[in-house]
Amino acid sequence: MLDRPSRIVAAILAGIWIGAGLATIGAALWLRPSVIPVLLGLCATGYGILWARVALTGRRLTWRLRRTSIEK
């Protein structure tokens, strides 16, 4: 479990990444409609959502590891 300061940092990072992602999408559509900046904005927004999940749950995200037949 994460302590309170770590959760605050995660929430701040979530806000920064989500804001930057949405700003990138808005600027890309307003200034020069192109696919690559919109995709980068979507990736940044998704990364911010992951940080928001960390802030809300209080746990780090991990990869799910599947056991192979050799490890069983």
PDB file of N, CA and C in Angstrom:
ATOM      1  N   MET A   1       0.832  -1.186   0.000  1.00  0.00           N
ATOM      2  CA  MET A   1       0.000   0.000   0.000  1.00  0.00           C
ATOM      3  C   MET A   1       0.879   1.254   0.000  1.00  0.00           C
ATOM      4  N   LEU A   2       0.409   2.249  -0.666  1.00  0.00           N
ATOM      5  CA  LEU A   2       1.145   3.511  -0.723  1.00  0.00           C
ATOM      6  C   LEU A   2       0.728   4.414   0.433  1.00  0.00           C
ATOM      7  N   ASP A   3       1.673   5.189   0.912  1.00  0.00           N
ATOM      8  CA  ASP A   3       1.353   6.129   1.971  1.00  0.00           C
ATOM      9  C   ASP A   3       0.709   7.380   1.371  1.00  0.00           C
ATOM     10  N   ARG A   4       0.249   8.262   2.229  1.00  0.00           N
ATOM     11  CA  ARG A   4      -0.496   9.447   1.784  1.00  0.00           C
ATOM     12  C   ARG A   4       0.305  10.357   0.839  1.00  0.00           C
ATOM     13  N   PRO A   5       1.580  10.690   1.135  1.00  0.00           N
ATOM     14  CA  PRO A   5       2.324  11.544   0.207  1.00  0.00           C
ATOM     15  C   PRO A   5       2.497  10.904  -1.182  1.00  0.00           C
ATOM     16  N   SER A   6       2.671   9.592  -1.213  1.00  0.00           N
ATOM     17  CA  SER A   6       2.814   8.913  -2.509  1.00  0.00           C
ATOM     18  C   SER A   6       1.523   8.969  -3.302  1.00  0.00           C
ATOM     19  N   ARG A   7       0.398   8.858  -2.616  1.00  0.00           N
ATOM     20  CA  ARG A   7      -0.891   8.953  -3.309  1.00  0.00           C
ATOM     21  C   ARG A   7      -1.134  10.371  -3.828  1.00  0.00           C
ATOM     22  N   ILE A   8      -0.670  11.366  -3.076  1.00  0.00           N
ATOM     23  CA  ILE A   8      -0.811  12.758  -3.528  1.00  0.00           C
ATOM     24  C   ILE A   8       0.042  12.988  -4.777  1.00  0.00           C
ATOM     25  N   VAL A   9       1.267  12.469  -4.763  1.00  0.00           N
ATOM     26  CA  VAL A   9       2.137  12.592  -5.940  1.00  0.00           C
ATOM     27  C   VAL A   9       1.501  11.884  -7.143  1.00  0.00           C
ATOM     28  N   ALA A  10       0.914  10.711  -6.922  1.00  0.00           N
ATOM     29  CA  ALA A  10       0.259   9.984  -8.008  1.00  0.00           C
ATOM     30  C   ALA A  10      -0.921  10.780  -8.562  1.00  0.00           C
ATOM     31  N   ALA A  11      -1.678  11.431  -7.685  1.00  0.00           N
ATOM     32  CA  ALA A  11      -2.806  12.243  -8.144  1.00  0.00           C
ATOM     33  C   ALA A  11      -2.330  13.456  -8.939  1.00  0.00           C
ATOM     34  N   ILE A  12      -1.243  14.068  -8.497  1.00  0.00           N
ATOM     35  CA  ILE A  12      -0.689  15.208  -9.237  1.00  0.00           C
ATOM     36  C   ILE A  12      -0.202  14.759 -10.610  1.00  0.00           C
ATOM     37  N   LEU A  13       0.506  13.629 -10.651  1.00  0.00           N
ATOM     38  CA  LEU A  13       0.964  13.108 -11.942  1.00  0.00           C
ATOM     39  C   LEU A  13      -0.209  12.771 -12.845  1.00  0.00           C
ATOM     40  N   ALA A  14      -1.271  12.221 -12.283  1.00  0.00           N
ATOM     41  CA  ALA A  14      -2.455  11.909 -13.082  1.00  0.00           C
ATOM     42  C   ALA A  14      -3.033  13.177 -13.694  1.00  0.00           C
ATOM     43  N   GLY A  15      -3.150  14.222 -12.890  1.00  0.00           N
ATOM     44  CA  GLY A  15      -3.686  15.484 -13.408  1.00  0.00           C
ATOM     45  C   GLY A  15      -2.817  16.081 -14.494  1.00  0.00           C
ATOM     46  N   ILE A  16      -1.509  16.009 -14.314  1.00  0.00           N
ATOM     47  CA  ILE A  16      -0.590  16.552 -15.321  1.00  0.00           C
ATOM     48  C   ILE A  16      -0.700  15.778 -16.628  1.00  0.00           C
ATOM     49  N   TRP A  17      -0.662  14.430 -16.538  1.00  0.00           N
ATOM     50  CA  TRP A  17      -0.705  13.625 -17.767  1.00  0.00           C
ATOM     51  C   TRP A  17      -2.049  13.737 -18.476  1.00  0.00           C
ATOM     52  N   ILE A  18      -3.141  13.734 -17.721  1.00  0.00           N
ATOM     53  CA  ILE A  18      -4.459  13.859 -18.356  1.00  0.00           C
ATOM     54  C   ILE A  18      -4.604  15.238 -18.979  1.00  0.00           C
ATOM     55  N   GLY A  19      -4.187  16.275 -18.263  1.00  0.00           N
ATOM     56  CA  GLY A  19      -4.264  17.632 -18.823  1.00  0.00           C
ATOM     57  C   GLY A  19      -3.409  17.801 -20.065  1.00  0.00           C
ATOM     58  N   ALA A  20      -2.191  17.261 -20.006  1.00  0.00           N
ATOM     59  CA  ALA A  20      -1.309  17.367 -21.176  1.00  0.00           C
ATOM     60  C   ALA A  20      -1.861  16.580 -22.355  1.00  0.00           C
ATOM     61  N   GLY A  21      -2.422  15.417 -22.083  1.00  0.00           N
ATOM     62  CA  GLY A  21      -2.991  14.620 -23.164  1.00  0.00           C
ATOM     63  C   GLY A  21      -4.176  15.301 -23.818  1.00  0.00           C
ATOM     64  N   LEU A  22      -5.068  15.843 -23.004  1.00  0.00           N
ATOM     65  CA  LEU A  22      -6.226  16.548 -23.563  1.00  0.00           C
ATOM     66  C   LEU A  22      -5.820  17.821 -24.293  1.00  0.00           C
ATOM     67  N   ALA A  23      -4.822  18.527 -23.760  1.00  0.00           N
ATOM     68  CA  ALA A  23      -4.327  19.728 -24.441  1.00  0.00           C
ATOM     69  C   ALA A  23      -3.690  19.368 -25.779  1.00  0.00           C
ATOM     70  N   THR A  24      -2.975  18.251 -25.816  1.00  0.00           N
ATOM     71  CA  THR A  24      -2.362  17.810 -27.069  1.00  0.00           C
ATOM     72  C   THR A  24      -3.424  17.452 -28.094  1.00  0.00           C
ATOM     73  N   ILE A  25      -4.452  16.747 -27.661  1.00  0.00           N
ATOM     74  CA  ILE A  25      -5.535  16.392 -28.582  1.00  0.00           C
ATOM     75  C   ILE A  25      -6.221  17.653 -29.101  1.00  0.00           C
ATOM     76  N   GLY A  26      -6.517  18.582 -28.191  1.00  0.00           N
ATOM     77  CA  GLY A  26      -7.175  19.829 -28.606  1.00  0.00           C
ATOM     78  C   GLY A  26      -6.322  20.651 -29.558  1.00  0.00           C
ATOM     79  N   ALA A  27      -5.041  20.782 -29.250  1.00  0.00           N
ATOM     80  CA  ALA A  27      -4.155  21.557 -30.126  1.00  0.00           C
ATOM     81  C   ALA A  27      -3.976  20.860 -31.469  1.00  0.00           C
ATOM     82  N   ALA A  28      -3.893  19.540 -31.443  1.00  0.00           N
ATOM     83  CA  ALA A  28      -3.715  18.809 -32.702  1.00  0.00           C
ATOM     84  C   ALA A  28      -4.926  18.952 -33.599  1.00  0.00           C
ATOM     85  N   LEU A  29      -6.102  18.924 -33.031  1.00  0.00           N
ATOM     86  CA  LEU A  29      -7.311  19.046 -33.853  1.00  0.00           C
ATOM     87  C   LEU A  29      -7.559  20.488 -34.291  1.00  0.00           C
ATOM     88  N   TRP A  30      -7.149  21.447 -33.460  1.00  0.00           N
ATOM     89  CA  TRP A  30      -7.421  22.837 -33.777  1.00  0.00           C
ATOM     90  C   TRP A  30      -6.384  23.415 -34.743  1.00  0.00           C
ATOM     91  N   LEU A  31      -5.112  23.142 -34.499  1.00  0.00           N
ATOM     92  CA  LEU A  31      -4.061  23.738 -35.320  1.00  0.00           C
ATOM     93  C   LEU A  31      -3.827  22.987 -36.631  1.00  0.00           C
ATOM     94  N   ARG A  32      -3.577  21.707 -36.520  1.00  0.00           N
ATOM     95  CA  ARG A  32      -3.290  20.926 -37.712  1.00  0.00           C
ATOM     96  C   ARG A  32      -3.836  19.518 -37.506  1.00  0.00           C
ATOM     97  N   PRO A  33      -4.991  19.246 -38.083  1.00  0.00           N
ATOM     98  CA  PRO A  33      -5.560  17.907 -37.908  1.00  0.00           C
ATOM     99  C   PRO A  33      -4.621  16.836 -38.465  1.00  0.00           C
ATOM    100  N   SER A  34      -4.085  16.040 -37.581  1.00  0.00           N
ATOM    101  CA  SER A  34      -3.166  14.987 -37.958  1.00  0.00           C
ATOM    102  C   SER A  34      -3.364  13.813 -37.006  1.00  0.00           C
ATOM    103  N   VAL A  35      -3.009  12.644 -37.446  1.00  0.00           N
ATOM    104  CA  VAL A  35      -3.258  11.438 -36.664  1.00  0.00           C
ATOM    105  C   VAL A  35      -2.243  11.255 -35.544  1.00  0.00           C
ATOM    106  N   ILE A  36      -0.970  11.496 -35.806  1.00  0.00           N
ATOM    107  CA  ILE A  36       0.082  11.192 -34.835  1.00  0.00           C
ATOM    108  C   ILE A  36      -0.054  12.014 -33.547  1.00  0.00           C
ATOM    109  N   PRO A  37      -0.260  13.338 -33.607  1.00  0.00           N
ATOM    110  CA  PRO A  37      -0.431  14.070 -32.342  1.00  0.00           C
ATOM    111  C   PRO A  37      -1.673  13.636 -31.566  1.00  0.00           C
ATOM    112  N   VAL A  38      -2.724  13.272 -32.263  1.00  0.00           N
ATOM    113  CA  VAL A  38      -3.932  12.801 -31.573  1.00  0.00           C
ATOM    114  C   VAL A  38      -3.649  11.475 -30.871  1.00  0.00           C
ATOM    115  N   LEU A  39      -2.924  10.583 -31.535  1.00  0.00           N
ATOM    116  CA  LEU A  39      -2.562   9.312 -30.908  1.00  0.00           C
ATOM    117  C   LEU A  39      -1.659   9.523 -29.696  1.00  0.00           C
ATOM    118  N   LEU A  40      -0.719  10.448 -29.802  1.00  0.00           N
ATOM    119  CA  LEU A  40       0.143  10.757 -28.653  1.00  0.00           C
ATOM    120  C   LEU A  40      -0.670  11.333 -27.500  1.00  0.00           C
ATOM    121  N   GLY A  41      -1.635  12.166 -27.817  1.00  0.00           N
ATOM    122  CA  GLY A  41      -2.512  12.719 -26.785  1.00  0.00           C
ATOM    123  C   GLY A  41      -3.349  11.645 -26.112  1.00  0.00           C
ATOM    124  N   LEU A  42      -3.830  10.692 -26.896  1.00  0.00           N
ATOM    125  CA  LEU A  42      -4.597   9.589 -26.326  1.00  0.00           C
ATOM    126  C   LEU A  42      -3.719   8.721 -25.418  1.00  0.00           C
ATOM    127  N   CYS A  43      -2.479   8.484 -25.843  1.00  0.00           N
ATOM    128  CA  CYS A  43      -1.550   7.707 -25.011  1.00  0.00           C
ATOM    129  C   CYS A  43      -1.255   8.435 -23.703  1.00  0.00           C
ATOM    130  N   ALA A  44      -1.038   9.735 -23.766  1.00  0.00           N
ATOM    131  CA  ALA A  44      -0.763  10.511 -22.556  1.00  0.00           C
ATOM    132  C   ALA A  44      -1.977  10.513 -21.623  1.00  0.00           C
ATOM    133  N   THR A  45      -3.168  10.619 -22.188  1.00  0.00           N
ATOM    134  CA  THR A  45      -4.376  10.582 -21.377  1.00  0.00           C
ATOM    135  C   THR A  45      -4.549   9.215 -20.723  1.00  0.00           C
ATOM    136  N   GLY A  46      -4.282   8.174 -21.471  1.00  0.00           N
ATOM    137  CA  GLY A  46      -4.353   6.824 -20.905  1.00  0.00           C
ATOM    138  C   GLY A  46      -3.357   6.611 -19.786  1.00  0.00           C
ATOM    139  N   TYR A  47      -2.159   7.142 -19.959  1.00  0.00           N
ATOM    140  CA  TYR A  47      -1.136   7.038 -18.914  1.00  0.00           C
ATOM    141  C   TYR A  47      -1.580   7.786 -17.659  1.00  0.00           C
ATOM    142  N   GLY A  48      -2.221   8.935 -17.864  1.00  0.00           N
ATOM    143  CA  GLY A  48      -2.762   9.682 -16.730  1.00  0.00           C
ATOM    144  C   GLY A  48      -3.863   8.926 -16.013  1.00  0.00           C
ATOM    145  N   ILE A  49      -4.672   8.204 -16.758  1.00  0.00           N
ATOM    146  CA  ILE A  49      -5.726   7.394 -16.145  1.00  0.00           C
ATOM    147  C   ILE A  49      -5.117   6.276 -15.302  1.00  0.00           C
ATOM    148  N   LEU A  50      -4.007   5.713 -15.775  1.00  0.00           N
ATOM    149  CA  LEU A  50      -3.316   4.700 -14.973  1.00  0.00           C
ATOM    150  C   LEU A  50      -2.803   5.295 -13.660  1.00  0.00           C
ATOM    151  N   TRP A  51      -2.262   6.518 -13.715  1.00  0.00           N
ATOM    152  CA  TRP A  51      -1.800   7.174 -12.494  1.00  0.00           C
ATOM    153  C   TRP A  51      -2.973   7.476 -11.572  1.00  0.00           C
ATOM    154  N   ALA A  52      -4.116   7.842 -12.142  1.00  0.00           N
ATOM    155  CA  ALA A  52      -5.303   8.092 -11.318  1.00  0.00           C
ATOM    156  C   ALA A  52      -5.742   6.812 -10.623  1.00  0.00           C
ATOM    157  N   ARG A  53      -5.620   5.697 -11.315  1.00  0.00           N
ATOM    158  CA  ARG A  53      -5.962   4.408 -10.707  1.00  0.00           C
ATOM    159  C   ARG A  53      -5.031   4.097  -9.530  1.00  0.00           C
ATOM    160  N   VAL A  54      -3.752   4.412  -9.684  1.00  0.00           N
ATOM    161  CA  VAL A  54      -2.796   4.221  -8.585  1.00  0.00           C
ATOM    162  C   VAL A  54      -3.178   5.108  -7.409  1.00  0.00           C
ATOM    163  N   ALA A  55      -3.542   6.353  -7.689  1.00  0.00           N
ATOM    164  CA  ALA A  55      -3.900   7.280  -6.613  1.00  0.00           C
ATOM    165  C   ALA A  55      -5.169   6.831  -5.896  1.00  0.00           C
ATOM    166  N   LEU A  56      -6.126   6.295  -6.621  1.00  0.00           N
ATOM    167  CA  LEU A  56      -7.386   5.882  -6.012  1.00  0.00           C
ATOM    168  C   LEU A  56      -7.265   4.576  -5.237  1.00  0.00           C
ATOM    169  N   THR A  57      -6.533   3.621  -5.779  1.00  0.00           N
ATOM    170  CA  THR A  57      -6.424   2.322  -5.120  1.00  0.00           C
ATOM    171  C   THR A  57      -5.343   2.309  -4.046  1.00  0.00           C
ATOM    172  N   GLY A  58      -4.332   3.148  -4.192  1.00  0.00           N
ATOM    173  CA  GLY A  58      -3.244   3.166  -3.230  1.00  0.00           C
ATOM    174  C   GLY A  58      -2.252   2.042  -3.421  1.00  0.00           C
ATOM    175  N   ARG A  59      -2.287   1.402  -4.572  1.00  0.00           N
ATOM    176  CA  ARG A  59      -1.351   0.311  -4.868  1.00  0.00           C
ATOM    177  C   ARG A  59      -0.673   0.565  -6.199  1.00  0.00           C
ATOM    178  N   ARG A  60       0.543   0.068  -6.311  1.00  0.00           N
ATOM    179  CA  ARG A  60       1.243   0.148  -7.595  1.00  0.00           C
ATOM    180  C   ARG A  60       0.620  -0.836  -8.569  1.00  0.00           C
ATOM    181  N   LEU A  61       0.672  -0.491  -9.841  1.00  0.00           N
ATOM    182  CA  LEU A  61       0.171  -1.407 -10.855  1.00  0.00           C
ATOM    183  C   LEU A  61       1.273  -2.380 -11.234  1.00  0.00           C
ATOM    184  N   THR A  62       0.909  -3.622 -11.408  1.00  0.00           N
ATOM    185  CA  THR A  62       1.874  -4.642 -11.787  1.00  0.00           C
ATOM    186  C   THR A  62       1.351  -5.391 -13.009  1.00  0.00           C
ATOM    187  N   TRP A  63       2.272  -6.044 -13.678  1.00  0.00           N
ATOM    188  CA  TRP A  63       1.890  -6.896 -14.796  1.00  0.00           C
ATOM    189  C   TRP A  63       1.416  -8.224 -14.233  1.00  0.00           C
ATOM    190  N   ARG A  64       0.389  -8.750 -14.815  1.00  0.00           N
ATOM    191  CA  ARG A  64      -0.062 -10.073 -14.414  1.00  0.00           C
ATOM    192  C   ARG A  64       0.842 -11.094 -15.079  1.00  0.00           C
ATOM    193  N   LEU A  65       1.421 -11.928 -14.278  1.00  0.00           N
ATOM    194  CA  LEU A  65       2.314 -12.951 -14.803  1.00  0.00           C
ATOM    195  C   LEU A  65       1.563 -14.274 -14.875  1.00  0.00           C
ATOM    196  N   ARG A  66       1.631 -14.873 -16.031  1.00  0.00           N
ATOM    197  CA  ARG A  66       1.008 -16.184 -16.188  1.00  0.00           C
ATOM    198  C   ARG A  66       2.043 -17.258 -15.910  1.00  0.00           C
ATOM    199  N   ARG A  67       1.628 -18.270 -15.223  1.00  0.00           N
ATOM    200  CA  ARG A  67       2.531 -19.378 -14.959  1.00  0.00           C
ATOM    201  C   ARG A  67       2.577 -20.298 -16.175  1.00  0.00           C
ATOM    202  N   THR A  68       3.753 -20.691 -16.507  1.00  0.00           N
ATOM    203  CA  THR A  68       3.884 -21.653 -17.592  1.00  0.00           C
ATOM    204  C   THR A  68       3.830 -23.063 -17.020  1.00  0.00           C
ATOM    205  N   SER A  69       3.701 -24.036 -17.861  1.00  0.00           N
ATOM    206  CA  SER A  69       3.609 -25.415 -17.376  1.00  0.00           C
ATOM    207  C   SER A  69       4.902 -25.862 -16.708  1.00  0.00           C
ATOM    208  N   ILE A  70       6.018 -25.245 -17.057  1.00  0.00           N
ATOM    209  CA  ILE A  70       7.299 -25.608 -16.454  1.00  0.00           C
ATOM    210  C   ILE A  70       7.351 -25.140 -15.002  1.00  0.00           C
ATOM    211  N   GLU A  71       6.784 -23.952 -14.699  1.00  0.00           N
ATOM    212  CA  GLU A  71       6.837 -23.386 -13.357  1.00  0.00           C
ATOM    213  C   GLU A  71       5.879 -24.077 -12.394  1.00  0.00           C
ATOM    214  N   LYS A  72       4.850 -24.735 -12.910  1.00  0.00           N
ATOM    215  CA  LYS A  72       3.858 -25.370 -12.040  1.00  0.00           C
ATOM    216  C   LYS A  72       4.424 -26.597 -11.463  1.00  0.00           C
TER     217      LYS A  72
END
